[in-house]
N, C-alpha and C. Protein backbone atom coordinates (compact mmCIF):
# COMPACT_ATOMS: atom_id res chain seq x y z
N LYS A 1 148.08 176.37 110.55
CA LYS A 1 148.58 175.46 111.56
C LYS A 1 150.03 175.09 111.31
N ASN A 2 150.46 175.18 110.05
CA ASN A 2 151.84 174.84 109.70
C ASN A 2 152.59 176.13 109.42
N GLN A 3 153.26 176.64 110.44
CA GLN A 3 153.90 177.95 110.32
C GLN A 3 155.02 177.94 109.29
N GLU A 4 155.77 176.86 109.20
CA GLU A 4 156.88 176.78 108.23
C GLU A 4 156.34 176.85 106.80
N GLN A 5 155.28 176.08 106.52
CA GLN A 5 154.68 176.10 105.17
C GLN A 5 154.04 177.46 104.89
N PHE A 6 153.40 178.08 105.89
CA PHE A 6 152.79 179.39 105.73
C PHE A 6 153.85 180.43 105.37
N THR A 7 154.98 180.42 106.08
CA THR A 7 156.06 181.36 105.81
C THR A 7 156.63 181.15 104.41
N LYS A 8 156.78 179.90 104.03
CA LYS A 8 157.31 179.58 102.70
C LYS A 8 156.37 180.09 101.61
N GLN A 9 155.07 179.85 101.76
CA GLN A 9 154.09 180.31 100.76
C GLN A 9 153.99 181.84 100.73
N LEU A 10 154.12 182.45 101.91
CA LEU A 10 154.09 183.91 101.98
C LEU A 10 155.28 184.50 101.25
N LEU A 11 156.44 183.92 101.39
CA LEU A 11 157.63 184.40 100.67
C LEU A 11 157.47 184.22 99.16
N TYR A 12 156.88 183.08 98.74
CA TYR A 12 156.61 182.87 97.32
C TYR A 12 155.67 183.96 96.78
N TYR A 13 154.63 184.24 97.56
CA TYR A 13 153.66 185.25 97.15
C TYR A 13 154.31 186.63 97.05
N LEU A 14 155.11 187.00 98.04
CA LEU A 14 155.79 188.31 98.01
C LEU A 14 156.77 188.39 96.85
N GLY A 15 157.47 187.28 96.57
CA GLY A 15 158.39 187.26 95.43
C GLY A 15 157.65 187.44 94.11
N ALA A 16 156.53 186.72 93.96
CA ALA A 16 155.72 186.85 92.74
C ALA A 16 155.16 188.26 92.62
N PHE A 17 154.76 188.83 93.74
CA PHE A 17 154.23 190.19 93.76
C PHE A 17 155.30 191.19 93.34
N ALA A 18 156.53 191.00 93.86
CA ALA A 18 157.64 191.92 93.53
C ALA A 18 158.02 191.83 92.06
N VAL A 19 157.92 190.64 91.47
CA VAL A 19 158.24 190.47 90.06
C VAL A 19 157.06 190.93 89.19
N GLY A 20 155.84 190.70 89.68
CA GLY A 20 154.65 191.00 88.88
C GLY A 20 154.37 192.47 88.69
N ILE A 21 154.62 193.28 89.72
CA ILE A 21 154.30 194.71 89.61
C ILE A 21 155.08 195.39 88.49
N PRO A 22 156.40 195.22 88.40
CA PRO A 22 157.11 195.86 87.27
C PRO A 22 156.63 195.34 85.91
N ILE A 23 156.27 194.07 85.84
CA ILE A 23 155.79 193.52 84.57
C ILE A 23 154.47 194.17 84.17
N PHE A 24 153.55 194.32 85.11
CA PHE A 24 152.26 194.96 84.80
C PHE A 24 152.44 196.43 84.44
N VAL A 25 153.35 197.12 85.11
CA VAL A 25 153.61 198.53 84.79
C VAL A 25 154.21 198.64 83.40
N LEU A 26 155.17 197.76 83.10
CA LEU A 26 155.81 197.77 81.78
C LEU A 26 154.79 197.43 80.69
N ARG A 27 153.89 196.50 80.98
CA ARG A 27 152.86 196.14 80.01
C ARG A 27 151.95 197.34 79.72
N TYR A 28 151.53 198.04 80.76
CA TYR A 28 150.68 199.21 80.59
C TYR A 28 151.42 200.29 79.79
N TYR A 29 152.68 200.51 80.11
CA TYR A 29 153.48 201.51 79.41
C TYR A 29 153.62 201.14 77.92
N ALA A 30 153.89 199.87 77.64
CA ALA A 30 154.04 199.43 76.25
C ALA A 30 152.73 199.59 75.49
N ARG A 31 151.62 199.28 76.15
CA ARG A 31 150.32 199.41 75.51
C ARG A 31 150.01 200.87 75.18
N GLN A 32 150.26 201.78 76.11
CA GLN A 32 150.00 203.20 75.87
C GLN A 32 150.94 203.76 74.80
N THR A 33 152.20 203.33 74.82
CA THR A 33 153.16 203.78 73.82
C THR A 33 152.75 203.32 72.43
N LEU A 34 152.34 202.05 72.33
CA LEU A 34 151.89 201.53 71.03
C LEU A 34 150.67 202.30 70.54
N SER A 35 149.73 202.58 71.43
CA SER A 35 148.53 203.33 71.06
C SER A 35 148.90 204.72 70.56
N LEU A 36 149.78 205.41 71.26
CA LEU A 36 150.18 206.76 70.85
C LEU A 36 150.91 206.75 69.51
N ARG A 37 151.81 205.80 69.32
CA ARG A 37 152.55 205.74 68.05
C ARG A 37 151.64 205.41 66.89
N TRP A 38 150.70 204.50 67.12
CA TRP A 38 149.76 204.14 66.06
C TRP A 38 148.89 205.34 65.71
N ARG A 39 148.43 206.07 66.73
CA ARG A 39 147.61 207.26 66.48
C ARG A 39 148.42 208.33 65.75
N ALA A 40 149.67 208.52 66.14
CA ALA A 40 150.51 209.52 65.48
C ALA A 40 150.71 209.16 64.01
N TRP A 41 150.96 207.88 63.73
CA TRP A 41 151.15 207.45 62.35
C TRP A 41 149.88 207.66 61.54
N MET A 42 148.72 207.24 62.08
CA MET A 42 147.46 207.39 61.35
C MET A 42 147.09 208.86 61.15
N THR A 43 147.35 209.69 62.17
CA THR A 43 147.04 211.11 62.03
C THR A 43 147.89 211.73 60.94
N LYS A 44 149.18 211.42 60.91
CA LYS A 44 150.06 211.96 59.85
C LYS A 44 149.60 211.47 58.48
N TYR A 45 149.25 210.20 58.39
CA TYR A 45 148.79 209.64 57.11
C TYR A 45 147.55 210.36 56.60
N TYR A 46 146.55 210.55 57.48
CA TYR A 46 145.32 211.20 57.04
C TYR A 46 145.49 212.70 56.86
N MET A 47 146.36 213.32 57.61
CA MET A 47 146.64 214.75 57.38
C MET A 47 147.31 214.95 56.02
N ASP A 48 148.24 214.05 55.66
CA ASP A 48 148.86 214.12 54.33
C ASP A 48 147.80 214.01 53.23
N ARG A 49 146.87 213.08 53.39
CA ARG A 49 145.81 212.91 52.38
C ARG A 49 144.86 214.11 52.38
N TYR A 50 144.59 214.66 53.56
CA TYR A 50 143.65 215.79 53.69
C TYR A 50 144.21 217.05 53.04
N LEU A 51 145.52 217.24 53.17
CA LEU A 51 146.13 218.47 52.66
C LEU A 51 146.77 218.32 51.28
N SER A 52 146.71 217.13 50.67
CA SER A 52 147.29 216.98 49.34
C SER A 52 146.22 217.16 48.27
N ASN A 53 146.62 217.67 47.14
CA ASN A 53 145.74 217.89 45.99
C ASN A 53 144.49 218.70 46.34
N GLN A 54 144.63 219.59 47.30
CA GLN A 54 143.55 220.47 47.74
C GLN A 54 142.29 219.69 48.13
N ALA A 55 142.49 218.52 48.73
CA ALA A 55 141.35 217.70 49.17
C ALA A 55 140.54 218.45 50.22
N PHE A 56 141.19 219.19 51.09
CA PHE A 56 140.48 219.94 52.13
C PHE A 56 139.50 220.93 51.50
N TYR A 57 139.90 221.55 50.39
CA TYR A 57 139.02 222.51 49.72
C TYR A 57 137.83 221.80 49.07
N LYS A 58 138.08 220.67 48.42
CA LYS A 58 137.00 219.91 47.77
C LYS A 58 136.00 219.41 48.82
N ILE A 59 136.51 218.94 49.94
CA ILE A 59 135.63 218.44 51.01
C ILE A 59 134.75 219.57 51.53
N GLN A 60 135.33 220.74 51.73
CA GLN A 60 134.58 221.89 52.26
C GLN A 60 133.59 222.44 51.24
N SER A 61 134.04 222.60 50.01
CA SER A 61 133.18 223.25 49.01
C SER A 61 132.04 222.33 48.54
N GLN A 62 132.28 221.02 48.51
CA GLN A 62 131.26 220.10 48.03
C GLN A 62 130.51 219.43 49.18
N SER A 63 130.83 219.78 50.41
CA SER A 63 130.20 219.20 51.61
C SER A 63 130.21 217.68 51.57
N ILE A 64 131.38 217.12 51.24
CA ILE A 64 131.51 215.66 51.15
C ILE A 64 131.48 215.01 52.53
N ILE A 65 132.24 215.58 53.45
CA ILE A 65 132.33 215.05 54.82
C ILE A 65 132.08 216.19 55.78
N ASP A 66 131.25 215.95 56.77
CA ASP A 66 131.02 216.98 57.78
C ASP A 66 132.11 216.88 58.84
N ASN A 67 132.59 218.00 59.28
CA ASN A 67 133.58 218.10 60.37
C ASN A 67 134.80 217.19 60.19
N PRO A 68 135.57 217.39 59.12
CA PRO A 68 136.75 216.53 58.92
C PRO A 68 137.77 216.68 60.05
N ASP A 69 137.82 217.85 60.69
CA ASP A 69 138.75 218.02 61.80
C ASP A 69 138.40 217.09 62.95
N GLN A 70 137.11 216.94 63.24
CA GLN A 70 136.68 216.04 64.30
C GLN A 70 136.99 214.59 63.94
N ARG A 71 136.84 214.25 62.69
CA ARG A 71 137.12 212.87 62.25
C ARG A 71 138.60 212.55 62.44
N ILE A 72 139.47 213.50 62.10
CA ILE A 72 140.90 213.26 62.24
C ILE A 72 141.30 213.18 63.70
N VAL A 73 140.76 214.05 64.53
CA VAL A 73 141.18 214.10 65.94
C VAL A 73 140.50 213.01 66.76
N ASP A 74 139.19 213.04 66.83
CA ASP A 74 138.47 212.15 67.75
C ASP A 74 138.32 210.73 67.22
N ASP A 75 137.94 210.60 65.95
CA ASP A 75 137.67 209.26 65.43
C ASP A 75 138.94 208.41 65.35
N LEU A 76 140.05 209.01 64.95
CA LEU A 76 141.30 208.24 64.91
C LEU A 76 141.74 207.84 66.31
N ASN A 77 141.58 208.73 67.27
CA ASN A 77 141.92 208.41 68.65
C ASN A 77 141.06 207.26 69.15
N SER A 78 139.77 207.35 68.92
CA SER A 78 138.84 206.30 69.36
C SER A 78 139.14 204.98 68.65
N PHE A 79 139.41 205.03 67.35
CA PHE A 79 139.69 203.81 66.59
C PHE A 79 140.93 203.11 67.11
N THR A 80 142.02 203.84 67.29
CA THR A 80 143.26 203.19 67.72
C THR A 80 143.12 202.60 69.12
N LYS A 81 142.49 203.32 70.03
CA LYS A 81 142.31 202.79 71.39
C LYS A 81 141.42 201.56 71.39
N THR A 82 140.30 201.62 70.68
CA THR A 82 139.36 200.50 70.67
C THR A 82 139.96 199.28 69.97
N ALA A 83 140.60 199.49 68.84
CA ALA A 83 141.18 198.36 68.10
C ALA A 83 142.29 197.69 68.90
N LEU A 84 143.13 198.50 69.52
CA LEU A 84 144.22 197.92 70.32
C LEU A 84 143.66 197.19 71.54
N SER A 85 142.70 197.77 72.21
CA SER A 85 142.09 197.13 73.38
C SER A 85 141.42 195.82 72.98
N PHE A 86 140.70 195.81 71.88
CA PHE A 86 140.02 194.61 71.40
C PHE A 86 141.03 193.52 71.05
N SER A 87 142.08 193.89 70.35
CA SER A 87 143.11 192.92 69.95
C SER A 87 143.79 192.31 71.17
N LEU A 88 144.15 193.15 72.14
CA LEU A 88 144.81 192.64 73.34
C LEU A 88 143.86 191.79 74.20
N THR A 89 142.59 192.14 74.22
CA THR A 89 141.61 191.33 74.95
C THR A 89 141.49 189.94 74.34
N ILE A 90 141.43 189.86 73.03
CA ILE A 90 141.37 188.56 72.36
C ILE A 90 142.65 187.77 72.62
N PHE A 91 143.80 188.43 72.53
CA PHE A 91 145.07 187.75 72.79
C PHE A 91 145.12 187.21 74.22
N ASP A 92 144.72 188.02 75.20
CA ASP A 92 144.69 187.57 76.60
C ASP A 92 143.73 186.40 76.78
N ALA A 93 142.57 186.45 76.13
CA ALA A 93 141.58 185.38 76.26
C ALA A 93 142.12 184.06 75.69
N VAL A 94 142.82 184.13 74.57
CA VAL A 94 143.39 182.92 73.97
C VAL A 94 144.46 182.33 74.88
N ILE A 95 145.33 183.18 75.43
CA ILE A 95 146.37 182.71 76.35
C ILE A 95 145.74 182.08 77.59
N ASP A 96 144.72 182.74 78.17
CA ASP A 96 144.04 182.19 79.34
C ASP A 96 143.37 180.86 79.02
N LEU A 97 142.72 180.79 77.86
CA LEU A 97 142.05 179.55 77.47
C LEU A 97 143.04 178.40 77.37
N ILE A 98 144.16 178.64 76.73
CA ILE A 98 145.15 177.57 76.56
C ILE A 98 145.74 177.15 77.91
N SER A 99 146.14 178.13 78.72
CA SER A 99 146.80 177.78 79.98
C SER A 99 145.83 177.13 80.97
N PHE A 100 144.62 177.69 81.14
CA PHE A 100 143.68 177.11 82.09
C PHE A 100 143.11 175.78 81.61
N SER A 101 142.95 175.63 80.31
CA SER A 101 142.51 174.33 79.79
C SER A 101 143.55 173.27 80.08
N ASN A 102 144.79 173.59 79.89
CA ASN A 102 145.88 172.64 80.16
C ASN A 102 145.91 172.26 81.64
N ILE A 103 145.76 173.26 82.52
CA ILE A 103 145.77 172.98 83.96
C ILE A 103 144.58 172.13 84.34
N LEU A 104 143.38 172.49 83.88
CA LEU A 104 142.18 171.75 84.23
C LEU A 104 142.21 170.33 83.68
N PHE A 105 142.70 170.18 82.45
CA PHE A 105 142.78 168.84 81.86
C PHE A 105 143.76 167.95 82.63
N SER A 106 144.85 168.54 83.10
CA SER A 106 145.82 167.74 83.87
C SER A 106 145.28 167.36 85.24
N ILE A 107 144.37 168.17 85.81
CA ILE A 107 143.81 167.86 87.13
C ILE A 107 142.74 166.77 87.03
N TYR A 108 141.75 166.98 86.11
CA TYR A 108 140.64 166.03 86.01
C TYR A 108 140.02 166.15 84.62
N PRO A 109 140.42 165.27 83.67
CA PRO A 109 139.94 165.37 82.29
C PRO A 109 138.42 165.37 82.12
N PRO A 110 137.63 164.54 82.87
CA PRO A 110 136.17 164.59 82.66
C PRO A 110 135.57 165.97 82.99
N LEU A 111 136.10 166.63 84.03
CA LEU A 111 135.61 167.97 84.36
C LEU A 111 135.92 168.96 83.25
N PHE A 112 137.08 168.81 82.63
CA PHE A 112 137.44 169.66 81.50
C PHE A 112 136.43 169.50 80.36
N VAL A 113 136.06 168.27 80.05
CA VAL A 113 135.11 168.01 78.97
C VAL A 113 133.75 168.61 79.30
N VAL A 114 133.28 168.44 80.54
CA VAL A 114 131.99 168.99 80.95
C VAL A 114 132.00 170.51 80.85
N LEU A 115 133.05 171.15 81.33
CA LEU A 115 133.12 172.61 81.27
C LEU A 115 133.25 173.12 79.84
N PHE A 116 133.94 172.37 78.99
CA PHE A 116 134.07 172.75 77.59
C PHE A 116 132.70 172.71 76.91
N VAL A 117 131.95 171.63 77.14
CA VAL A 117 130.60 171.51 76.55
C VAL A 117 129.69 172.60 77.12
N TYR A 118 129.81 172.86 78.41
CA TYR A 118 129.00 173.91 79.06
C TYR A 118 129.28 175.28 78.44
N SER A 119 130.56 175.59 78.21
CA SER A 119 130.90 176.91 77.64
C SER A 119 130.42 177.03 76.19
N ILE A 120 130.53 175.95 75.43
CA ILE A 120 130.02 175.97 74.04
C ILE A 120 128.50 176.16 74.05
N GLY A 121 127.81 175.43 74.94
CA GLY A 121 126.35 175.57 75.05
C GLY A 121 125.95 176.97 75.47
N GLY A 122 126.65 177.53 76.47
CA GLY A 122 126.35 178.89 76.93
C GLY A 122 126.56 179.92 75.83
N THR A 123 127.61 179.73 75.03
CA THR A 123 127.87 180.64 73.92
C THR A 123 126.76 180.53 72.87
N ALA A 124 126.34 179.30 72.57
CA ALA A 124 125.27 179.10 71.58
C ALA A 124 123.97 179.74 72.04
N VAL A 125 123.63 179.59 73.33
CA VAL A 125 122.42 180.19 73.86
C VAL A 125 122.50 181.72 73.79
N SER A 126 123.66 182.27 74.13
CA SER A 126 123.85 183.73 74.08
C SER A 126 123.67 184.26 72.66
N ILE A 127 124.24 183.56 71.69
CA ILE A 127 124.12 183.98 70.29
C ILE A 127 122.65 183.90 69.85
N PHE A 128 121.98 182.82 70.23
CA PHE A 128 120.57 182.67 69.87
C PHE A 128 119.72 183.78 70.47
N LEU A 129 119.91 184.05 71.76
CA LEU A 129 119.14 185.12 72.41
C LEU A 129 119.46 186.48 71.80
N GLY A 130 120.72 186.68 71.42
CA GLY A 130 121.09 187.93 70.77
C GLY A 130 120.38 188.11 69.44
N LYS A 131 120.29 187.03 68.67
CA LYS A 131 119.61 187.11 67.37
C LYS A 131 118.10 187.30 67.53
N VAL A 132 117.53 186.69 68.57
CA VAL A 132 116.09 186.81 68.80
C VAL A 132 115.74 188.22 69.28
N THR A 133 116.57 188.78 70.17
CA THR A 133 116.25 190.09 70.75
C THR A 133 116.79 191.25 69.91
N LEU A 134 117.65 190.98 68.93
CA LEU A 134 118.22 192.07 68.12
C LEU A 134 117.15 192.89 67.41
N PRO A 135 116.11 192.28 66.82
CA PRO A 135 115.07 193.11 66.18
C PRO A 135 114.34 194.03 67.17
N LEU A 136 114.30 193.64 68.43
CA LEU A 136 113.63 194.48 69.42
C LEU A 136 114.39 195.79 69.65
N PHE A 137 115.71 195.72 69.60
CA PHE A 137 116.53 196.90 69.87
C PHE A 137 117.07 197.55 68.60
N ASN A 138 117.02 196.85 67.50
CA ASN A 138 117.45 197.33 66.19
C ASN A 138 118.82 197.99 66.27
N GLN A 139 119.85 197.14 66.18
CA GLN A 139 121.23 197.60 66.31
C GLN A 139 121.58 198.68 65.29
N LYS A 140 121.01 198.58 64.10
CA LYS A 140 121.30 199.59 63.08
C LYS A 140 120.90 200.98 63.55
N ASP A 141 119.76 201.08 64.24
CA ASP A 141 119.33 202.38 64.77
C ASP A 141 120.32 202.89 65.81
N LEU A 142 120.86 202.01 66.64
CA LEU A 142 121.83 202.42 67.65
C LEU A 142 123.10 202.97 66.99
N VAL A 143 123.53 202.32 65.92
CA VAL A 143 124.71 202.80 65.21
C VAL A 143 124.46 204.17 64.60
N SER A 144 123.30 204.35 63.97
CA SER A 144 123.00 205.65 63.35
C SER A 144 122.82 206.73 64.42
N LEU A 145 122.23 206.37 65.58
CA LEU A 145 122.11 207.34 66.67
C LEU A 145 123.48 207.77 67.18
N ASN A 146 124.39 206.82 67.30
CA ASN A 146 125.75 207.15 67.75
C ASN A 146 126.46 208.05 66.73
N PHE A 147 126.27 207.72 65.45
CA PHE A 147 126.87 208.55 64.40
C PHE A 147 126.31 209.97 64.44
N MET A 148 124.98 210.07 64.60
CA MET A 148 124.36 211.40 64.67
C MET A 148 124.83 212.17 65.90
N GLN A 149 125.05 211.46 67.02
CA GLN A 149 125.54 212.12 68.23
C GLN A 149 126.91 212.73 67.98
N GLU A 150 127.79 211.97 67.35
CA GLU A 150 129.12 212.48 67.03
C GLU A 150 129.02 213.71 66.13
N LYS A 151 128.12 213.64 65.14
CA LYS A 151 127.95 214.75 64.20
C LYS A 151 127.44 216.00 64.92
N LYS A 152 126.44 215.84 65.77
CA LYS A 152 125.84 216.99 66.46
C LYS A 152 126.82 217.61 67.46
N GLU A 153 127.60 216.79 68.15
CA GLU A 153 128.61 217.34 69.06
C GLU A 153 129.72 218.05 68.30
N ALA A 154 130.06 217.52 67.12
CA ALA A 154 131.06 218.18 66.28
C ALA A 154 130.53 219.52 65.77
N ASP A 155 129.25 219.57 65.43
CA ASP A 155 128.65 220.84 65.00
C ASP A 155 128.69 221.87 66.13
N PHE A 156 128.40 221.43 67.35
CA PHE A 156 128.45 222.33 68.49
C PHE A 156 129.88 222.84 68.71
N ARG A 157 130.86 221.94 68.62
CA ARG A 157 132.26 222.33 68.76
C ARG A 157 132.66 223.32 67.66
N TYR A 158 132.18 223.05 66.44
CA TYR A 158 132.48 223.95 65.33
C TYR A 158 131.92 225.34 65.60
N GLY A 159 130.72 225.41 66.16
CA GLY A 159 130.13 226.70 66.49
C GLY A 159 130.97 227.47 67.50
N LEU A 160 131.49 226.77 68.49
CA LEU A 160 132.36 227.42 69.48
C LEU A 160 133.66 227.91 68.85
N VAL A 161 134.24 227.11 67.95
CA VAL A 161 135.46 227.52 67.26
C VAL A 161 135.18 228.73 66.38
N ARG A 162 134.03 228.73 65.72
CA ARG A 162 133.66 229.85 64.85
C ARG A 162 133.55 231.15 65.65
N VAL A 163 133.00 231.05 66.87
CA VAL A 163 132.91 232.24 67.72
C VAL A 163 134.31 232.74 68.06
N ARG A 164 135.20 231.84 68.38
CA ARG A 164 136.56 232.23 68.73
C ARG A 164 137.27 232.87 67.53
N GLU A 165 137.11 232.26 66.34
CA GLU A 165 137.80 232.78 65.16
C GLU A 165 137.22 234.12 64.68
N ASN A 166 135.93 234.32 64.91
CA ASN A 166 135.28 235.56 64.46
C ASN A 166 134.93 236.47 65.62
N ALA A 167 135.70 236.39 66.68
CA ALA A 167 135.39 237.16 67.89
C ALA A 167 135.32 238.66 67.62
N GLU A 168 136.25 239.17 66.82
CA GLU A 168 136.27 240.62 66.56
C GLU A 168 135.02 241.07 65.81
N SER A 169 134.64 240.31 64.78
CA SER A 169 133.44 240.67 64.00
C SER A 169 132.18 240.58 64.85
N ILE A 170 132.08 239.54 65.65
CA ILE A 170 130.90 239.37 66.50
C ILE A 170 130.80 240.52 67.50
N ALA A 171 131.93 240.87 68.10
CA ALA A 171 131.92 241.97 69.06
C ALA A 171 131.61 243.30 68.38
N PHE A 172 132.15 243.53 67.17
CA PHE A 172 131.95 244.79 66.46
C PHE A 172 130.47 244.99 66.11
N TYR A 173 129.82 243.90 65.68
CA TYR A 173 128.41 243.99 65.28
C TYR A 173 127.44 243.64 66.42
N SER A 174 127.95 243.45 67.62
CA SER A 174 127.15 243.08 68.79
C SER A 174 126.27 241.86 68.50
N GLY A 175 126.92 240.83 67.97
CA GLY A 175 126.19 239.63 67.56
C GLY A 175 126.18 238.53 68.61
N GLU A 176 126.45 238.88 69.86
CA GLU A 176 126.53 237.87 70.91
C GLU A 176 125.21 237.10 71.07
N ALA A 177 124.09 237.81 71.02
CA ALA A 177 122.79 237.16 71.21
C ALA A 177 122.51 236.14 70.10
N ASN A 178 122.82 236.53 68.85
CA ASN A 178 122.62 235.60 67.73
C ASN A 178 123.51 234.37 67.85
N GLU A 179 124.76 234.60 68.21
CA GLU A 179 125.69 233.48 68.36
C GLU A 179 125.26 232.57 69.51
N MET A 180 124.79 233.18 70.59
CA MET A 180 124.32 232.39 71.72
C MET A 180 123.13 231.53 71.31
N GLN A 181 122.23 232.10 70.53
CA GLN A 181 121.06 231.35 70.07
C GLN A 181 121.48 230.17 69.19
N LEU A 182 122.41 230.40 68.26
CA LEU A 182 122.89 229.32 67.39
C LEU A 182 123.59 228.22 68.19
N LEU A 183 124.42 228.62 69.15
CA LEU A 183 125.13 227.63 69.97
C LEU A 183 124.17 226.81 70.81
N LEU A 184 123.16 227.48 71.38
CA LEU A 184 122.19 226.76 72.19
C LEU A 184 121.35 225.79 71.34
N GLN A 185 121.05 226.18 70.09
CA GLN A 185 120.32 225.28 69.20
C GLN A 185 121.15 224.03 68.91
N ARG A 186 122.43 224.22 68.65
CA ARG A 186 123.30 223.07 68.37
C ARG A 186 123.46 222.19 69.61
N PHE A 187 123.59 222.81 70.76
CA PHE A 187 123.73 222.05 72.01
C PHE A 187 122.45 221.29 72.33
N THR A 188 121.31 221.95 72.16
CA THR A 188 120.01 221.30 72.42
C THR A 188 119.80 220.13 71.47
N SER A 189 120.21 220.29 70.22
CA SER A 189 120.10 219.20 69.25
C SER A 189 120.92 217.98 69.68
N ALA A 190 122.13 218.24 70.18
CA ALA A 190 122.97 217.14 70.67
C ALA A 190 122.34 216.47 71.88
N LEU A 191 121.77 217.26 72.79
CA LEU A 191 121.12 216.69 73.98
C LEU A 191 119.90 215.87 73.62
N LYS A 192 119.10 216.35 72.66
CA LYS A 192 117.89 215.61 72.26
C LYS A 192 118.28 214.28 71.63
N ASN A 193 119.30 214.28 70.81
CA ASN A 193 119.74 213.03 70.19
C ASN A 193 120.23 212.04 71.24
N MET A 194 120.90 212.54 72.28
CA MET A 194 121.42 211.68 73.33
C MET A 194 120.30 211.07 74.16
N SER A 195 119.20 211.79 74.30
CA SER A 195 118.11 211.30 75.16
C SER A 195 117.13 210.40 74.43
N VAL A 196 117.33 210.18 73.13
CA VAL A 196 116.42 209.32 72.37
C VAL A 196 116.58 207.87 72.80
């Protein structure tokens, strides 16, 4: 009903939108750059350790770690992305908590107190229910299943790499059927673990 106020608010919104888009793009770019640099640093660090003092040979000959190549490539990538995402989520939550608490307290302090008690109570109930239901789902089993899934998929990938590296020998001895059988066994094992 108030066209002058509507126009004024619309201009404020468009101005905030014009300023906000570059900030969000820059934030995303900085986050991805940090993730890539952290992954590059960790990969170089672990590659140095893997290739120094013939550690790669000891790992292979003594079967200390299965699929070290997969651990360096996939696990480091997953770790850096997850850790960075978790850290930034906590940082954003703390900033939101401080700013919205300040706004709510300045508007109506009793409502702030009620919502604060409500959030503490909701958190306590969630933790209690989590502890009560945890034995039903057995989190330790979920962790070991996830670990086994990574191992079985790495074994399947290793089988494919082995076929590529030994392509001439396999073709010379007509070993395609044997290789196919081994690959299917590894793939089936990964699928069975996933469906548990």
